[in-house]
Amino acid sequence: MNEIPASPLNVEPAPAPREVRVALPTMVPTVTYTIIGFTALIYILQLASVAFFGYPAGQIDWLEIYGARFNMAIRAGELWRFITPVFLHGSVMHIFFNMYALLSIGTLLEKHFGHGRFAALYFLGAFSGNVFSFLLTGENGYSVGASTAVFGLVAAEVAFFYHNRKLFGGQAKQAIGNALFIIAVNLFIGLTPGIDNWGHVGGLLGGAIFAWFASPRWEVAGSFPDFHLHDAREFRDIVLGGGLVVILFGMLAVWGMFR
């Protein structure tokens, strides 16, 4: 008995691709709110110290004396000054703009990065920014402010949307364009005397390195109608990203202390 080959007319056409809606992660950005609240508390203490004790050294209050990035103090071994400047600010406008930027960017990123990864990103940006500024601002270098960490967040936003550009489509392109515009404008403004632009550049580099390896890579998983997002990023990638920032900028800090 001869077999009759299947006619192309009997082959069912492949189903046309269709768009599906997947809910994005929802999470209360408690780390962002906690950092804002703690930073505001520290600034209130700065104001209180000035009200009760005045300025012990020019326009520098007591908390700045013990926590600001003073290059000479760092070379004397006060290594906590690579982190503590992120909580100190020089004026109401200074803290307002930094905390507004943190609120705007942090509430978005923390929902995607998660609490722990976001906290690591924030403080790695602060660390790398202060190290970079320490290297490039001379013996009498001094700075305070959260902008080092905020620039790290902006760099991480670019990396995140680039890694997930297929998922977000046109939104990713727009978000990357907006972030790059913000970076360019603020680096230009940072050329103004009195602004720690090297700290901004260092924060960008630290945030970009960490986020390139550690930012979430969302993939759609499951089957209709129970689609959900799955983070394909492995824990070892997060450790690698954090380790690279700590080792690279840690070595730069050591070199800067003994050069």
C-alpha atoms as a PDB file:
ATOM      1  CA  MET A   1       0.000   0.000   0.000  1.00  0.00           C
ATOM      2  CA  ASN A   2       1.459   3.315  -1.046  1.00  0.00           C
ATOM      3  CA  GLU A   3       1.613   6.199   1.431  1.00  0.00           C
ATOM      4  CA  ILE A   4       0.258   9.520   0.290  1.00  0.00           C
ATOM      5  CA  PRO A   5       2.593  12.386   1.290  1.00  0.00           C
ATOM      6  CA  ALA A   6       0.991  15.086   3.353  1.00  0.00           C
ATOM      7  CA  SER A   7      -0.120  18.028   1.324  1.00  0.00           C
ATOM      8  CA  PRO A   8       1.141  21.432   2.332  1.00  0.00           C
ATOM      9  CA  LEU A   9      -2.492  22.413   2.416  1.00  0.00           C
ATOM     10  CA  ASN A  10      -3.023  20.050   5.362  1.00  0.00           C
ATOM     11  CA  VAL A  11      -0.275  21.594   7.489  1.00  0.00           C
ATOM     12  CA  GLU A  12      -1.655  23.860  10.175  1.00  0.00           C
ATOM     13  CA  PRO A  13      -0.111  27.339  10.073  1.00  0.00           C
ATOM     14  CA  ALA A  14       2.033  28.407  13.037  1.00  0.00           C
ATOM     15  CA  PRO A  15       0.125  30.617  15.437  1.00  0.00           C
ATOM     16  CA  ALA A  16       0.874  34.290  15.000  1.00  0.00           C
ATOM     17  CA  PRO A  17       2.869  35.841  17.827  1.00  0.00           C
ATOM     18  CA  ARG A  18       0.841  37.975  20.147  1.00  0.00           C
ATOM     19  CA  GLU A  19       1.558  40.401  22.910  1.00  0.00           C
ATOM     20  CA  VAL A  20       0.995  39.334  26.487  1.00  0.00           C
ATOM     21  CA  ARG A  21       0.731  41.476  29.588  1.00  0.00           C
ATOM     22  CA  VAL A  22       2.999  40.622  32.492  1.00  0.00           C
ATOM     23  CA  ALA A  23       2.836  42.434  35.802  1.00  0.00           C
ATOM     24  CA  LEU A  24       6.042  44.208  36.798  1.00  0.00           C
ATOM     25  CA  PRO A  25       7.436  43.626  40.286  1.00  0.00           C
ATOM     26  CA  THR A  26       5.646  45.458  43.063  1.00  0.00           C
ATOM     27  CA  MET A  27       7.602  46.237  46.188  1.00  0.00           C
ATOM     28  CA  VAL A  28       7.543  48.977  48.774  1.00  0.00           C
ATOM     29  CA  PRO A  29      10.935  50.734  48.356  1.00  0.00           C
ATOM     30  CA  THR A  30      11.749  50.644  52.061  1.00  0.00           C
ATOM     31  CA  VAL A  31      15.512  51.043  51.557  1.00  0.00           C
ATOM     32  CA  THR A  32      14.979  54.227  49.553  1.00  0.00           C
ATOM     33  CA  TYR A  33      12.618  55.639  52.181  1.00  0.00           C
ATOM     34  CA  THR A  34      14.966  54.619  55.005  1.00  0.00           C
ATOM     35  CA  ILE A  35      17.988  56.275  53.386  1.00  0.00           C
ATOM     36  CA  ILE A  36      16.004  59.471  52.770  1.00  0.00           C
ATOM     37  CA  GLY A  37      14.726  59.519  56.341  1.00  0.00           C
ATOM     38  CA  PHE A  38      18.140  58.825  57.876  1.00  0.00           C
ATOM     39  CA  THR A  39      19.863  61.410  55.667  1.00  0.00           C
ATOM     40  CA  ALA A  40      17.243  64.004  56.613  1.00  0.00           C
ATOM     41  CA  LEU A  41      17.794  63.173  60.298  1.00  0.00           C
ATOM     42  CA  ILE A  42      21.541  63.651  59.919  1.00  0.00           C
ATOM     43  CA  TYR A  43      20.970  67.029  58.275  1.00  0.00           C
ATOM     44  CA  ILE A  44      18.720  68.079  61.149  1.00  0.00           C
ATOM     45  CA  LEU A  45      21.553  67.113  63.517  1.00  0.00           C
ATOM     46  CA  GLN A  46      23.931  69.201  61.404  1.00  0.00           C
ATOM     47  CA  LEU A  47      21.626  72.206  61.793  1.00  0.00           C
ATOM     48  CA  ALA A  48      21.276  71.541  65.518  1.00  0.00           C
ATOM     49  CA  SER A  49      25.040  71.360  65.984  1.00  0.00           C
ATOM     50  CA  VAL A  50      25.417  74.731  64.269  1.00  0.00           C
ATOM     51  CA  ALA A  51      22.604  76.238  66.382  1.00  0.00           C
ATOM     52  CA  PHE A  52      24.168  75.081  69.656  1.00  0.00           C
ATOM     53  CA  PHE A  53      27.894  75.087  68.927  1.00  0.00           C
ATOM     54  CA  GLY A  54      28.353  77.237  65.810  1.00  0.00           C
ATOM     55  CA  TYR A  55      30.905  76.449  63.131  1.00  0.00           C
ATOM     56  CA  PRO A  56      34.129  75.138  64.720  1.00  0.00           C
ATOM     57  CA  ALA A  57      36.060  75.393  61.436  1.00  0.00           C
ATOM     58  CA  GLY A  58      34.912  78.006  58.953  1.00  0.00           C
ATOM     59  CA  GLN A  59      31.557  76.926  57.493  1.00  0.00           C
ATOM     60  CA  ILE A  60      32.021  73.287  58.530  1.00  0.00           C
ATOM     61  CA  ASP A  61      29.884  71.847  61.335  1.00  0.00           C
ATOM     62  CA  TRP A  62      30.864  69.165  63.841  1.00  0.00           C
ATOM     63  CA  LEU A  63      29.354  66.266  61.915  1.00  0.00           C
ATOM     64  CA  GLU A  64      31.239  67.309  58.788  1.00  0.00           C
ATOM     65  CA  ILE A  65      34.477  67.469  60.770  1.00  0.00           C
ATOM     66  CA  TYR A  66      34.104  63.798  61.673  1.00  0.00           C
ATOM     67  CA  GLY A  67      32.369  62.510  58.518  1.00  0.00           C
ATOM     68  CA  ALA A  68      33.148  64.596  55.439  1.00  0.00           C
ATOM     69  CA  ARG A  69      35.647  63.519  52.794  1.00  0.00           C
ATOM     70  CA  PHE A  70      38.798  65.255  53.921  1.00  0.00           C
ATOM     71  CA  ASN A  71      41.668  63.855  51.893  1.00  0.00           C
ATOM     72  CA  MET A  72      44.220  64.559  54.620  1.00  0.00           C
ATOM     73  CA  ALA A  73      42.086  62.687  57.168  1.00  0.00           C
ATOM     74  CA  ILE A  74      41.713  59.710  54.830  1.00  0.00           C
ATOM     75  CA  ARG A  75      45.482  59.567  54.371  1.00  0.00           C
ATOM     76  CA  ALA A  76      45.708  59.527  58.167  1.00  0.00           C
ATOM     77  CA  GLY A  77      43.678  56.291  58.157  1.00  0.00           C
ATOM     78  CA  GLU A  78      40.072  57.504  58.580  1.00  0.00           C
ATOM     79  CA  LEU A  79      38.709  55.215  55.899  1.00  0.00           C
ATOM     80  CA  TRP A  80      35.053  55.592  56.928  1.00  0.00           C
ATOM     81  CA  ARG A  81      35.146  58.913  55.080  1.00  0.00           C
ATOM     82  CA  PHE A  82      34.778  57.014  51.809  1.00  0.00           C
ATOM     83  CA  ILE A  83      31.144  56.308  52.863  1.00  0.00           C
ATOM     84  CA  THR A  84      29.969  58.794  55.506  1.00  0.00           C
ATOM     85  CA  PRO A  85      29.918  61.876  53.223  1.00  0.00           C
ATOM     86  CA  VAL A  86      26.834  60.381  51.524  1.00  0.00           C
ATOM     87  CA  PHE A  87      24.779  61.291  54.621  1.00  0.00           C
ATOM     88  CA  LEU A  88      26.045  64.881  54.983  1.00  0.00           C
ATOM     89  CA  HIS A  89      24.945  67.986  53.073  1.00  0.00           C
ATOM     90  CA  GLY A  90      25.973  71.608  52.861  1.00  0.00           C
ATOM     91  CA  SER A  91      22.602  73.352  52.505  1.00  0.00           C
ATOM     92  CA  VAL A  92      18.854  72.845  52.336  1.00  0.00           C
ATOM     93  CA  MET A  93      18.910  72.984  48.530  1.00  0.00           C
ATOM     94  CA  HIS A  94      21.790  70.513  48.421  1.00  0.00           C
ATOM     95  CA  ILE A  95      19.938  67.850  50.394  1.00  0.00           C
ATOM     96  CA  PHE A  96      16.608  68.626  48.703  1.00  0.00           C
ATOM     97  CA  PHE A  97      17.854  67.997  45.172  1.00  0.00           C
ATOM     98  CA  ASN A  98      19.802  64.883  46.148  1.00  0.00           C
ATOM     99  CA  MET A  99      16.892  63.351  48.053  1.00  0.00           C
ATOM    100  CA  TYR A 100      14.440  64.266  45.301  1.00  0.00           C
ATOM    101  CA  ALA A 101      16.676  62.487  42.782  1.00  0.00           C
ATOM    102  CA  LEU A 102      16.968  59.490  45.105  1.00  0.00           C
ATOM    103  CA  LEU A 103      13.189  59.352  45.515  1.00  0.00           C
ATOM    104  CA  SER A 104      12.600  59.608  41.752  1.00  0.00           C
ATOM    105  CA  ILE A 105      15.151  56.996  40.679  1.00  0.00           C
ATOM    106  CA  GLY A 106      15.345  54.841  43.781  1.00  0.00           C
ATOM    107  CA  THR A 107      11.664  53.951  43.990  1.00  0.00           C
ATOM    108  CA  LEU A 108      11.870  52.570  40.436  1.00  0.00           C
ATOM    109  CA  LEU A 109      15.171  50.736  40.717  1.00  0.00           C
ATOM    110  CA  GLU A 110      14.535  49.190  44.123  1.00  0.00           C
ATOM    111  CA  LYS A 111      11.380  47.505  42.822  1.00  0.00           C
ATOM    112  CA  HIS A 112      13.486  45.773  40.168  1.00  0.00           C
ATOM    113  CA  PHE A 113      16.769  45.263  42.033  1.00  0.00           C
ATOM    114  CA  GLY A 114      15.271  44.230  45.366  1.00  0.00           C
ATOM    115  CA  HIS A 115      16.189  45.669  48.755  1.00  0.00           C
ATOM    116  CA  GLY A 116      19.624  44.121  49.224  1.00  0.00           C
ATOM    117  CA  ARG A 117      20.898  44.643  45.696  1.00  0.00           C
ATOM    118  CA  PHE A 118      19.658  48.231  45.682  1.00  0.00           C
ATOM    119  CA  ALA A 119      21.352  49.020  49.013  1.00  0.00           C
ATOM    120  CA  ALA A 120      24.601  47.551  47.666  1.00  0.00           C
ATOM    121  CA  LEU A 121      24.283  49.681  44.519  1.00  0.00           C
ATOM    122  CA  TYR A 122      23.718  52.878  46.515  1.00  0.00           C
ATOM    123  CA  PHE A 123      26.698  52.492  48.806  1.00  0.00           C
ATOM    124  CA  LEU A 124      29.017  51.137  46.110  1.00  0.00           C
ATOM    125  CA  GLY A 125      28.251  54.286  44.101  1.00  0.00           C
ATOM    126  CA  ALA A 126      29.047  56.419  47.145  1.00  0.00           C
ATOM    127  CA  PHE A 127      32.278  54.506  47.787  1.00  0.00           C
ATOM    128  CA  SER A 128      33.529  54.623  44.203  1.00  0.00           C
ATOM    129  CA  GLY A 129      32.636  58.303  43.846  1.00  0.00           C
ATOM    130  CA  ASN A 130      34.479  59.317  47.000  1.00  0.00           C
ATOM    131  CA  VAL A 131      37.508  57.223  46.072  1.00  0.00           C
ATOM    132  CA  PHE A 132      37.682  58.781  42.621  1.00  0.00           C
ATOM    133  CA  SER A 133      37.356  62.266  44.081  1.00  0.00           C
ATOM    134  CA  PHE A 134      39.996  61.453  46.702  1.00  0.00           C
ATOM    135  CA  LEU A 135      42.437  60.578  43.931  1.00  0.00           C
ATOM    136  CA  LEU A 136      41.830  63.641  41.790  1.00  0.00           C
ATOM    137  CA  THR A 137      41.125  66.602  44.082  1.00  0.00           C
ATOM    138  CA  GLY A 138      44.476  67.164  45.755  1.00  0.00           C
ATOM    139  CA  GLU A 139      45.727  67.163  49.319  1.00  0.00           C
ATOM    140  CA  ASN A 140      43.070  69.562  50.620  1.00  0.00           C
ATOM    141  CA  GLY A 141      40.129  67.911  48.852  1.00  0.00           C
ATOM    142  CA  TYR A 142      36.810  68.042  50.697  1.00  0.00           C
ATOM    143  CA  SER A 143      33.230  67.087  49.840  1.00  0.00           C
ATOM    144  CA  VAL A 144      29.883  66.010  51.261  1.00  0.00           C
ATOM    145  CA  GLY A 145      26.648  64.864  49.654  1.00  0.00           C
ATOM    146  CA  ALA A 146      24.717  61.930  48.238  1.00  0.00           C
ATOM    147  CA  SER A 147      25.302  62.845  44.601  1.00  0.00           C
ATOM    148  CA  THR A 148      28.045  60.214  44.268  1.00  0.00           C
ATOM    149  CA  ALA A 149      25.486  57.519  45.079  1.00  0.00           C
ATOM    150  CA  VAL A 150      22.752  59.162  42.986  1.00  0.00           C
ATOM    151  CA  PHE A 151      25.003  59.177  39.918  1.00  0.00           C
ATOM    152  CA  GLY A 152      25.593  55.472  40.548  1.00  0.00           C
ATOM    153  CA  LEU A 153      21.832  54.948  40.442  1.00  0.00           C
ATOM    154  CA  VAL A 154      21.523  56.810  37.138  1.00  0.00           C
ATOM    155  CA  ALA A 155      24.263  54.656  35.609  1.00  0.00           C
ATOM    156  CA  ALA A 156      22.506  51.543  36.915  1.00  0.00           C
ATOM    157  CA  GLU A 157      19.243  52.700  35.327  1.00  0.00           C
ATOM    158  CA  VAL A 158      20.971  52.828  31.928  1.00  0.00           C
ATOM    159  CA  ALA A 159      22.446  49.338  32.403  1.00  0.00           C
ATOM    160  CA  PHE A 160      19.127  47.903  33.602  1.00  0.00           C
ATOM    161  CA  PHE A 161      17.071  49.165  30.690  1.00  0.00           C
ATOM    162  CA  TYR A 162      19.775  48.162  28.208  1.00  0.00           C
ATOM    163  CA  HIS A 163      19.781  44.581  29.514  1.00  0.00           C
ATOM    164  CA  ASN A 164      15.970  44.510  29.370  1.00  0.00           C
ATOM    165  CA  ARG A 165      15.448  46.500  26.167  1.00  0.00           C
ATOM    166  CA  LYS A 166      13.538  43.669  24.465  1.00  0.00           C
ATOM    167  CA  LEU A 167      11.091  43.452  27.349  1.00  0.00           C
ATOM    168  CA  PHE A 168      10.476  47.203  27.683  1.00  0.00           C
ATOM    169  CA  GLY A 169      10.726  48.113  23.983  1.00  0.00           C
ATOM    170  CA  GLY A 170      10.350  51.812  23.311  1.00  0.00           C
ATOM    171  CA  GLN A 171      10.161  52.577  27.024  1.00  0.00           C
ATOM    172  CA  ALA A 172      13.721  51.304  27.442  1.00  0.00           C
ATOM    173  CA  LYS A 173      15.003  53.508  24.640  1.00  0.00           C
ATOM    174  CA  GLN A 174      13.299  56.542  26.125  1.00  0.00           C
ATOM    175  CA  ALA A 175      14.541  55.786  29.650  1.00  0.00           C
ATOM    176  CA  ILE A 176      18.126  55.347  28.452  1.00  0.00           C
ATOM    177  CA  GLY A 177      17.956  58.573  26.459  1.00  0.00           C
ATOM    178  CA  ASN A 178      16.575  60.496  29.435  1.00  0.00           C
ATOM    179  CA  ALA A 179      19.227  59.093  31.770  1.00  0.00           C
ATOM    180  CA  LEU A 180      22.070  59.947  29.394  1.00  0.00           C
ATOM    181  CA  PHE A 181      20.687  63.465  29.015  1.00  0.00           C
ATOM    182  CA  ILE A 182      20.548  63.866  32.814  1.00  0.00           C
ATOM    183  CA  ILE A 183      24.142  62.634  33.097  1.00  0.00           C
ATOM    184  CA  ALA A 184      25.390  65.032  30.427  1.00  0.00           C
ATOM    185  CA  VAL A 185      23.575  68.055  31.860  1.00  0.00           C
ATOM    186  CA  ASN A 186      24.694  67.401  35.425  1.00  0.00           C
ATOM    187  CA  LEU A 187      28.311  66.764  34.458  1.00  0.00           C
ATOM    188  CA  PHE A 188      28.235  70.079  32.584  1.00  0.00           C
ATOM    189  CA  ILE A 189      26.762  71.837  35.623  1.00  0.00           C
ATOM    190  CA  GLY A 190      29.427  70.086  37.679  1.00  0.00           C
ATOM    191  CA  LEU A 191      32.101  72.129  35.927  1.00  0.00           C
ATOM    192  CA  THR A 192      30.987  74.998  38.165  1.00  0.00           C
ATOM    193  CA  PRO A 193      33.504  75.689  40.967  1.00  0.00           C
ATOM    194  CA  GLY A 194      32.528  74.116  44.276  1.00  0.00           C
ATOM    195  CA  ILE A 195      30.891  71.005  42.779  1.00  0.00           C
ATOM    196  CA  ASP A 196      32.645  67.662  43.145  1.00  0.00           C
ATOM    197  CA  ASN A 197      32.423  66.495  39.542  1.00  0.00           C
ATOM    198  CA  TRP A 198      35.106  63.823  40.026  1.00  0.00           C
ATOM    199  CA  GLY A 199      32.858  62.282  42.662  1.00  0.00           C
ATOM    200  CA  HIS A 200      30.021  62.227  40.135  1.00  0.00           C
ATOM    201  CA  VAL A 201      32.212  60.508  37.551  1.00  0.00           C
ATOM    202  CA  GLY A 202      33.379  57.946  40.095  1.00  0.00           C
ATOM    203  CA  GLY A 203      29.813  57.237  41.165  1.00  0.00           C
ATOM    204  CA  LEU A 204      28.854  56.711  37.535  1.00  0.00           C
ATOM    205  CA  LEU A 205      31.705  54.264  37.005  1.00  0.00           C
ATOM    206  CA  GLY A 206      31.003  52.294  40.171  1.00  0.00           C
ATOM    207  CA  GLY A 207      27.271  52.111  39.534  1.00  0.00           C
ATOM    208  CA  ALA A 208      27.805  51.116  35.900  1.00  0.00           C
ATOM    209  CA  ILE A 209      30.272  48.334  36.734  1.00  0.00           C
ATOM    210  CA  PHE A 210      28.073  46.856  39.441  1.00  0.00           C
ATOM    211  CA  ALA A 211      24.856  47.115  37.432  1.00  0.00           C
ATOM    212  CA  TRP A 212      26.391  45.676  34.274  1.00  0.00           C
ATOM    213  CA  PHE A 213      26.973  42.392  36.092  1.00  0.00           C
ATOM    214  CA  ALA A 214      24.294  42.545  38.782  1.00  0.00           C
ATOM    215  CA  SER A 215      21.204  44.309  37.397  1.00  0.00           C
ATOM    216  CA  PRO A 216      18.164  42.057  36.905  1.00  0.00           C
ATOM    217  CA  ARG A 217      17.650  40.379  33.523  1.00  0.00           C
ATOM    218  CA  TRP A 218      13.911  39.818  33.390  1.00  0.00           C
ATOM    219  CA  GLU A 219      12.531  36.939  31.323  1.00  0.00           C
ATOM    220  CA  VAL A 220       8.894  36.015  30.784  1.00  0.00           C
ATOM    221  CA  ALA A 221       8.195  32.585  32.255  1.00  0.00           C
ATOM    222  CA  GLY A 222       5.145  30.359  32.694  1.00  0.00           C
ATOM    223  CA  SER A 223       2.296  29.638  30.320  1.00  0.00           C
ATOM    224  CA  PHE A 224      -0.917  31.410  29.407  1.00  0.00           C
ATOM    225  CA  PRO A 225      -2.579  32.894  31.357  1.00  0.00           C
ATOM    226  CA  ASP A 226      -0.079  32.616  34.239  1.00  0.00           C
ATOM    227  CA  PHE A 227       2.874  34.487  32.797  1.00  0.00           C
ATOM    228  CA  HIS A 228       5.312  36.021  35.245  1.00  0.00           C
ATOM    229  CA  LEU A 229       8.740  37.614  35.241  1.00  0.00           C
ATOM    230  CA  HIS A 230      11.797  35.629  36.228  1.00  0.00           C
ATOM    231  CA  ASP A 231      15.173  37.182  37.010  1.00  0.00           C
ATOM    232  CA  ALA A 232      17.765  35.205  35.073  1.00  0.00           C
ATOM    233  CA  ARG A 233      20.630  36.919  36.890  1.00  0.00           C
ATOM    234  CA  GLU A 234      22.532  34.496  39.096  1.00  0.00           C
ATOM    235  CA  PHE A 235      23.756  35.319  42.584  1.00  0.00           C
ATOM    236  CA  ARG A 236      27.370  34.788  41.555  1.00  0.00           C
ATOM    237  CA  ASP A 237      26.978  37.599  38.992  1.00  0.00           C
ATOM    238  CA  ILE A 238      25.872  39.968  41.753  1.00  0.00           C
ATOM    239  CA  VAL A 239      28.851  38.985  43.895  1.00  0.00           C
ATOM    240  CA  LEU A 240      31.142  39.435  40.885  1.00  0.00           C
ATOM    241  CA  GLY A 241      29.820  42.938  40.183  1.00  0.00           C
ATOM    242  CA  GLY A 242      30.125  44.031  43.797  1.00  0.00           C
ATOM    243  CA  GLY A 243      33.531  42.427  44.158  1.00  0.00           C
ATOM    244  CA  LEU A 244      34.876  44.174  41.074  1.00  0.00           C
ATOM    245  CA  VAL A 245      33.842  47.596  42.380  1.00  0.00           C
ATOM    246  CA  VAL A 246      35.268  46.962  45.853  1.00  0.00           C
ATOM    247  CA  ILE A 247      38.554  45.551  44.542  1.00  0.00           C
ATOM    248  CA  LEU A 248      39.075  48.099  41.771  1.00  0.00           C
ATOM    249  CA  PHE A 249      38.249  51.204  43.779  1.00  0.00           C
ATOM    250  CA  GLY A 250      39.775  49.723  46.927  1.00  0.00           C
ATOM    251  CA  MET A 251      43.087  49.342  45.093  1.00  0.00           C
ATOM    252  CA  LEU A 252      42.786  52.900  43.801  1.00  0.00           C
ATOM    253  CA  ALA A 253      42.190  54.111  47.360  1.00  0.00           C
ATOM    254  CA  VAL A 254      45.242  52.283  48.669  1.00  0.00           C
ATOM    255  CA  TRP A 255      47.354  53.644  45.803  1.00  0.00           C
ATOM    256  CA  GLY A 256      46.102  57.146  46.516  1.00  0.00           C
ATOM    257  CA  MET A 257      46.964  56.878  50.206  1.00  0.00           C
ATOM    258  CA  PHE A 258      50.571  55.838  49.639  1.00  0.00           C
ATOM    259  CA  ARG A 259      51.542  57.576  46.416  1.00  0.00           C
END
